[in-house]
C-alpha atoms as a PDB file:
ATOM      1  CA  UNK A   1      40.913  -1.079  57.798  1.00  0.00           C
ATOM      2  CA  UNK A   2      41.851  -4.563  58.510  1.00  0.00           C
ATOM      3  CA  UNK A   3      41.474  -7.403  56.022  1.00  0.00           C
ATOM      4  CA  UNK A   4      38.563  -8.896  58.003  1.00  0.00           C
ATOM      5  CA  UNK A   5      36.611  -5.655  57.907  1.00  0.00           C
ATOM      6  CA  UNK A   6      37.183  -5.205  54.162  1.00  0.00           C
ATOM      7  CA  UNK A   7      36.035  -8.838  53.593  1.00  0.00           C
ATOM      8  CA  UNK A   8      32.986  -8.357  55.716  1.00  0.00           C
ATOM      9  CA  UNK A   9      31.906  -5.228  53.772  1.00  0.00           C
ATOM     10  CA  UNK A  10      32.620  -6.900  50.553  1.00  0.00           C
ATOM     11  CA  UNK A  11      30.315  -9.774  51.342  1.00  0.00           C
ATOM     12  CA  UNK A  12      27.560  -7.375  52.849  1.00  0.00           C
ATOM     13  CA  UNK A  13      27.729  -5.332  49.402  1.00  0.00           C
ATOM     14  CA  UNK A  14      27.505  -8.496  47.432  1.00  0.00           C
ATOM     15  CA  UNK A  15      24.609  -9.808  49.330  1.00  0.00           C
ATOM     16  CA  UNK A  16      22.780  -6.410  48.856  1.00  0.00           C
ATOM     17  CA  UNK A  17      23.441  -6.362  45.324  1.00  0.00           C
ATOM     18  CA  UNK A  18      22.109  -9.940  44.731  1.00  0.00           C
ATOM     19  CA  UNK A  19      19.034  -9.190  46.737  1.00  0.00           C
ATOM     20  CA  UNK A  20      18.263  -5.872  44.785  1.00  0.00           C
ATOM     21  CA  UNK A  21      18.547  -7.843  41.590  1.00  0.00           C
ATOM     22  CA  UNK A  22      16.318 -10.510  42.962  1.00  0.00           C
ATOM     23  CA  UNK A  23      13.674  -8.047  44.067  1.00  0.00           C
ATOM     24  CA  UNK A  24      13.502  -6.378  40.799  1.00  0.00           C
ATOM     25  CA  UNK A  25      13.312  -9.460  38.727  1.00  0.00           C
ATOM     26  CA  UNK A  26      10.007 -10.053  37.031  1.00  0.00           C
ATOM     27  CA  UNK A  27       7.898 -13.006  38.018  1.00  0.00           C
ATOM     28  CA  UNK A  28       8.658 -15.619  35.376  1.00  0.00           C
ATOM     29  CA  UNK A  29       4.991 -17.094  35.579  1.00  0.00           C
ATOM     30  CA  UNK A  30       3.347 -13.552  35.007  1.00  0.00           C
ATOM     31  CA  UNK A  31       1.089 -12.928  32.015  1.00  0.00           C
ATOM     32  CA  UNK A  32       2.758 -10.473  29.764  1.00  0.00           C
ATOM     33  CA  UNK A  33       0.933  -7.498  28.345  1.00  0.00           C
ATOM     34  CA  UNK A  34       0.689  -9.057  24.995  1.00  0.00           C
ATOM     35  CA  UNK A  35      -0.926 -12.209  26.374  1.00  0.00           C
ATOM     36  CA  UNK A  36      -3.274 -10.001  28.467  1.00  0.00           C
ATOM     37  CA  UNK A  37      -4.358  -8.224  25.407  1.00  0.00           C
ATOM     38  CA  UNK A  38      -4.813 -11.335  23.287  1.00  0.00           C
ATOM     39  CA  UNK A  39      -7.044 -12.833  26.170  1.00  0.00           C
ATOM     40  CA  UNK A  40      -8.929  -9.357  26.297  1.00  0.00           C
ATOM     41  CA  UNK A  41      -9.464  -9.099  22.543  1.00  0.00           C
ATOM     42  CA  UNK A  42     -10.479 -12.790  22.118  1.00  0.00           C
ATOM     43  CA  UNK A  43     -13.155 -12.531  24.757  1.00  0.00           C
ATOM     44  CA  UNK A  44     -14.404  -9.032  23.304  1.00  0.00           C
ATOM     45  CA  UNK A  45     -14.548 -10.737  19.911  1.00  0.00           C
ATOM     46  CA  UNK A  46     -16.722 -13.395  21.518  1.00  0.00           C
ATOM     47  CA  UNK A  47     -18.951 -10.978  23.101  1.00  0.00           C
ATOM     48  CA  UNK A  48     -19.482  -9.006  19.912  1.00  0.00           C
ATOM     49  CA  UNK A  49     -20.228 -12.111  17.912  1.00  0.00           C
ATOM     50  CA  UNK A  50     -22.990 -13.020  20.604  1.00  0.00           C
ATOM     51  CA  UNK A  51     -24.323  -9.440  20.927  1.00  0.00           C
ATOM     52  CA  UNK A  52     -23.331  -9.322  24.487  1.00  0.00           C
ATOM     53  CA  UNK A  53     -22.342  -5.973  26.089  1.00  0.00           C
ATOM     54  CA  UNK A  54     -19.519  -6.632  28.724  1.00  0.00           C
ATOM     55  CA  UNK A  55     -16.804  -5.383  30.817  1.00  0.00           C
ATOM     56  CA  UNK A  56     -13.642  -7.377  30.563  1.00  0.00           C
ATOM     57  CA  UNK A  57     -10.767  -7.589  33.019  1.00  0.00           C
ATOM     58  CA  UNK A  58      -7.506  -9.292  33.095  1.00  0.00           C
ATOM     59  CA  UNK A  59      -5.269  -9.503  36.155  1.00  0.00           C
ATOM     60  CA  UNK A  60      -1.616 -10.652  36.445  1.00  0.00           C
ATOM     61  CA  UNK A  61      -0.400 -13.364  38.662  1.00  0.00           C
ATOM     62  CA  UNK A  62      -0.432 -10.817  41.662  1.00  0.00           C
ATOM     63  CA  UNK A  63      -4.078 -10.004  40.904  1.00  0.00           C
ATOM     64  CA  UNK A  64      -3.165  -6.635  39.718  1.00  0.00           C
ATOM     65  CA  UNK A  65      -5.173  -5.194  36.754  1.00  0.00           C
ATOM     66  CA  UNK A  66      -3.286  -5.770  33.648  1.00  0.00           C
ATOM     67  CA  UNK A  67      -5.808  -5.069  30.863  1.00  0.00           C
ATOM     68  CA  UNK A  68      -9.544  -3.884  30.781  1.00  0.00           C
ATOM     69  CA  UNK A  69     -12.072  -2.769  28.406  1.00  0.00           C
ATOM     70  CA  UNK A  70     -15.571  -1.485  28.901  1.00  0.00           C
ATOM     71  CA  UNK A  71     -17.618  -2.217  25.796  1.00  0.00           C
ATOM     72  CA  UNK A  72     -19.698   0.847  24.772  1.00  0.00           C
ATOM     73  CA  UNK A  73     -23.032   0.928  26.564  1.00  0.00           C
ATOM     74  CA  UNK A  74     -22.052  -2.076  29.059  1.00  0.00           C
ATOM     75  CA  UNK A  75     -23.412  -1.634  32.546  1.00  0.00           C
ATOM     76  CA  UNK A  76     -21.319   0.707  34.633  1.00  0.00           C
ATOM     77  CA  UNK A  77     -21.938  -1.527  37.511  1.00  0.00           C
ATOM     78  CA  UNK A  78     -20.174  -4.467  35.796  1.00  0.00           C
ATOM     79  CA  UNK A  79     -16.795  -2.751  35.676  1.00  0.00           C
ATOM     80  CA  UNK A  80     -16.201  -3.564  39.384  1.00  0.00           C
ATOM     81  CA  UNK A  81     -17.832  -6.824  39.070  1.00  0.00           C
ATOM     82  CA  UNK A  82     -15.562  -7.837  36.297  1.00  0.00           C
ATOM     83  CA  UNK A  83     -12.359  -6.670  38.146  1.00  0.00           C
ATOM     84  CA  UNK A  84     -13.498  -8.542  41.124  1.00  0.00           C
ATOM     85  CA  UNK A  85     -14.149 -11.685  39.370  1.00  0.00           C
ATOM     86  CA  UNK A  86     -10.732 -11.755  37.782  1.00  0.00           C
ATOM     87  CA  UNK A  87      -9.161 -11.083  41.197  1.00  0.00           C
ATOM     88  CA  UNK A  88     -11.230 -13.725  42.992  1.00  0.00           C
ATOM     89  CA  UNK A  89     -10.333 -16.282  40.372  1.00  0.00           C
ATOM     90  CA  UNK A  90      -6.646 -15.493  40.796  1.00  0.00           C
ATOM     91  CA  UNK A  91      -6.778 -15.131  44.702  1.00  0.00           C
ATOM     92  CA  UNK A  92      -8.292 -18.864  44.872  1.00  0.00           C
ATOM     93  CA  UNK A  93      -6.920 -20.172  41.555  1.00  0.00           C
ATOM     94  CA  UNK A  94     -10.614 -21.409  40.719  1.00  0.00           C
ATOM     95  CA  UNK A  95     -13.440 -20.700  38.436  1.00  0.00           C
ATOM     96  CA  UNK A  96     -15.660 -18.231  40.382  1.00  0.00           C
ATOM     97  CA  UNK A  97     -18.693 -20.235  39.626  1.00  0.00           C
ATOM     98  CA  UNK A  98     -17.132 -23.201  41.234  1.00  0.00           C
ATOM     99  CA  UNK A  99     -16.166 -20.948  44.172  1.00  0.00           C
ATOM    100  CA  UNK A 100     -19.784 -20.005  44.587  1.00  0.00           C
ATOM    101  CA  UNK A 101     -20.976 -23.577  45.033  1.00  0.00           C
ATOM    102  CA  UNK A 102     -18.659 -23.713  47.968  1.00  0.00           C
ATOM    103  CA  UNK A 103     -19.796 -20.295  49.554  1.00  0.00           C
ATOM    104  CA  UNK A 104     -23.587 -21.210  49.892  1.00  0.00           C
ATOM    105  CA  UNK A 105     -25.006 -21.450  53.263  1.00  0.00           C
ATOM    106  CA  UNK A 106     -23.906 -24.775  54.813  1.00  0.00           C
ATOM    107  CA  UNK A 107     -20.907 -24.564  52.394  1.00  0.00           C
ATOM    108  CA  UNK A 108     -17.351 -25.087  53.575  1.00  0.00           C
ATOM    109  CA  UNK A 109     -16.320 -21.546  53.021  1.00  0.00           C
ATOM    110  CA  UNK A 110     -19.801 -19.719  53.512  1.00  0.00           C
ATOM    111  CA  UNK A 111     -19.343 -16.021  53.583  1.00  0.00           C
ATOM    112  CA  UNK A 112     -15.850 -15.846  52.176  1.00  0.00           C
ATOM    113  CA  UNK A 113     -17.141 -13.238  49.724  1.00  0.00           C
ATOM    114  CA  UNK A 114     -17.144 -10.840  52.402  1.00  0.00           C
ATOM    115  CA  UNK A 115     -13.227 -11.062  52.712  1.00  0.00           C
ATOM    116  CA  UNK A 116     -10.602  -9.357  50.515  1.00  0.00           C
ATOM    117  CA  UNK A 117     -12.589  -6.069  50.082  1.00  0.00           C
ATOM    118  CA  UNK A 118     -15.159  -8.085  48.459  1.00  0.00           C
ATOM    119  CA  UNK A 119     -15.159 -11.238  46.172  1.00  0.00           C
ATOM    120  CA  UNK A 120     -17.450 -12.453  43.507  1.00  0.00           C
ATOM    121  CA  UNK A 121     -18.408 -15.953  43.726  1.00  0.00           C
ATOM    122  CA  UNK A 122     -20.551 -16.406  40.718  1.00  0.00           C
ATOM    123  CA  UNK A 123     -19.490 -17.496  37.176  1.00  0.00           C
ATOM    124  CA  UNK A 124     -17.475 -15.161  34.939  1.00  0.00           C
ATOM    125  CA  UNK A 125     -13.910 -15.302  36.469  1.00  0.00           C
ATOM    126  CA  UNK A 126     -11.283 -17.932  35.448  1.00  0.00           C
ATOM    127  CA  UNK A 127      -7.615 -18.399  36.113  1.00  0.00           C
ATOM    128  CA  UNK A 128      -5.380 -18.165  32.921  1.00  0.00           C
ATOM    129  CA  UNK A 129      -2.775 -20.786  32.525  1.00  0.00           C
ATOM    130  CA  UNK A 130       0.320 -20.754  30.237  1.00  0.00           C
ATOM    131  CA  UNK A 131       1.264 -23.597  27.933  1.00  0.00           C
ATOM    132  CA  UNK A 132       3.106 -25.418  30.915  1.00  0.00           C
ATOM    133  CA  UNK A 133      -0.095 -25.212  33.085  1.00  0.00           C
ATOM    134  CA  UNK A 134       1.270 -22.584  35.388  1.00  0.00           C
ATOM    135  CA  UNK A 135      -1.357 -19.847  36.523  1.00  0.00           C
ATOM    136  CA  UNK A 136      -0.177 -16.510  35.162  1.00  0.00           C
ATOM    137  CA  UNK A 137      -3.184 -14.453  35.753  1.00  0.00           C
ATOM    138  CA  UNK A 138      -6.924 -14.496  35.581  1.00  0.00           C
ATOM    139  CA  UNK A 139      -9.948 -13.014  33.551  1.00  0.00           C
ATOM    140  CA  UNK A 140     -13.207 -11.550  34.612  1.00  0.00           C
ATOM    141  CA  UNK A 141     -16.395 -10.899  32.518  1.00  0.00           C
ATOM    142  CA  UNK A 142     -19.414  -9.041  33.595  1.00  0.00           C
ATOM    143  CA  UNK A 143     -22.606  -7.784  31.970  1.00  0.00           C
ATOM    144  CA  UNK A 144     -24.283 -10.760  30.174  1.00  0.00           C
ATOM    145  CA  UNK A 145     -25.959 -13.725  31.964  1.00  0.00           C
ATOM    146  CA  UNK A 146     -23.708 -15.722  34.162  1.00  0.00           C
ATOM    147  CA  UNK A 147     -23.530 -18.307  31.400  1.00  0.00           C
ATOM    148  CA  UNK A 148     -22.517 -15.853  28.819  1.00  0.00           C
ATOM    149  CA  UNK A 149     -19.975 -14.301  31.165  1.00  0.00           C
ATOM    150  CA  UNK A 150     -18.574 -17.812  31.729  1.00  0.00           C
ATOM    151  CA  UNK A 151     -18.340 -18.739  28.098  1.00  0.00           C
ATOM    152  CA  UNK A 152     -16.705 -15.407  27.072  1.00  0.00           C
ATOM    153  CA  UNK A 153     -14.050 -15.749  29.742  1.00  0.00           C
ATOM    154  CA  UNK A 154     -13.298 -19.241  28.883  1.00  0.00           C
ATOM    155  CA  UNK A 155     -12.642 -18.101  25.322  1.00  0.00           C
ATOM    156  CA  UNK A 156     -10.467 -15.259  26.577  1.00  0.00           C
ATOM    157  CA  UNK A 157      -8.493 -17.688  29.083  1.00  0.00           C
ATOM    158  CA  UNK A 158      -7.849 -20.259  26.322  1.00  0.00           C
ATOM    159  CA  UNK A 159      -6.730 -17.897  23.645  1.00  0.00           C
ATOM    160  CA  UNK A 160      -3.226 -17.516  24.885  1.00  0.00           C
ATOM    161  CA  UNK A 161      -2.641 -21.209  24.464  1.00  0.00           C
ATOM    162  CA  UNK A 162      -2.766 -20.896  20.554  1.00  0.00           C
END
């Protein structure tokens, strides 16, 4: 084999090795499991203190479910809603209640909730930011009133900043 072919094979091997390491590297702005559980437990504590039975979902930066709890006797239908609130908040990096204001008839994104296998555009979903202000995931809460859901989610989202 001539020197040029050996060099070419060596370069291709090096590129493939670098790419495989890059593809397997964890996203640096992703919520950790400890942060996800901290947010989940802070939200759960708030719900318990206010006697509200809820489902709480935390998703990572890719909108994949990272942590979830269904409080005893909370609504079964709220399981899906909590997860979709968290995903919706992450998909658009916005409070789901604020998104809902834009989705009303005549709004600039009317009917967007029909996309992405169903979005939830009422309060209770919030992006979660780290201390540097980067979005690392989102939290969704469902089972109380929309005001209760939003308040509980807010406590969960802010808990990782402490």
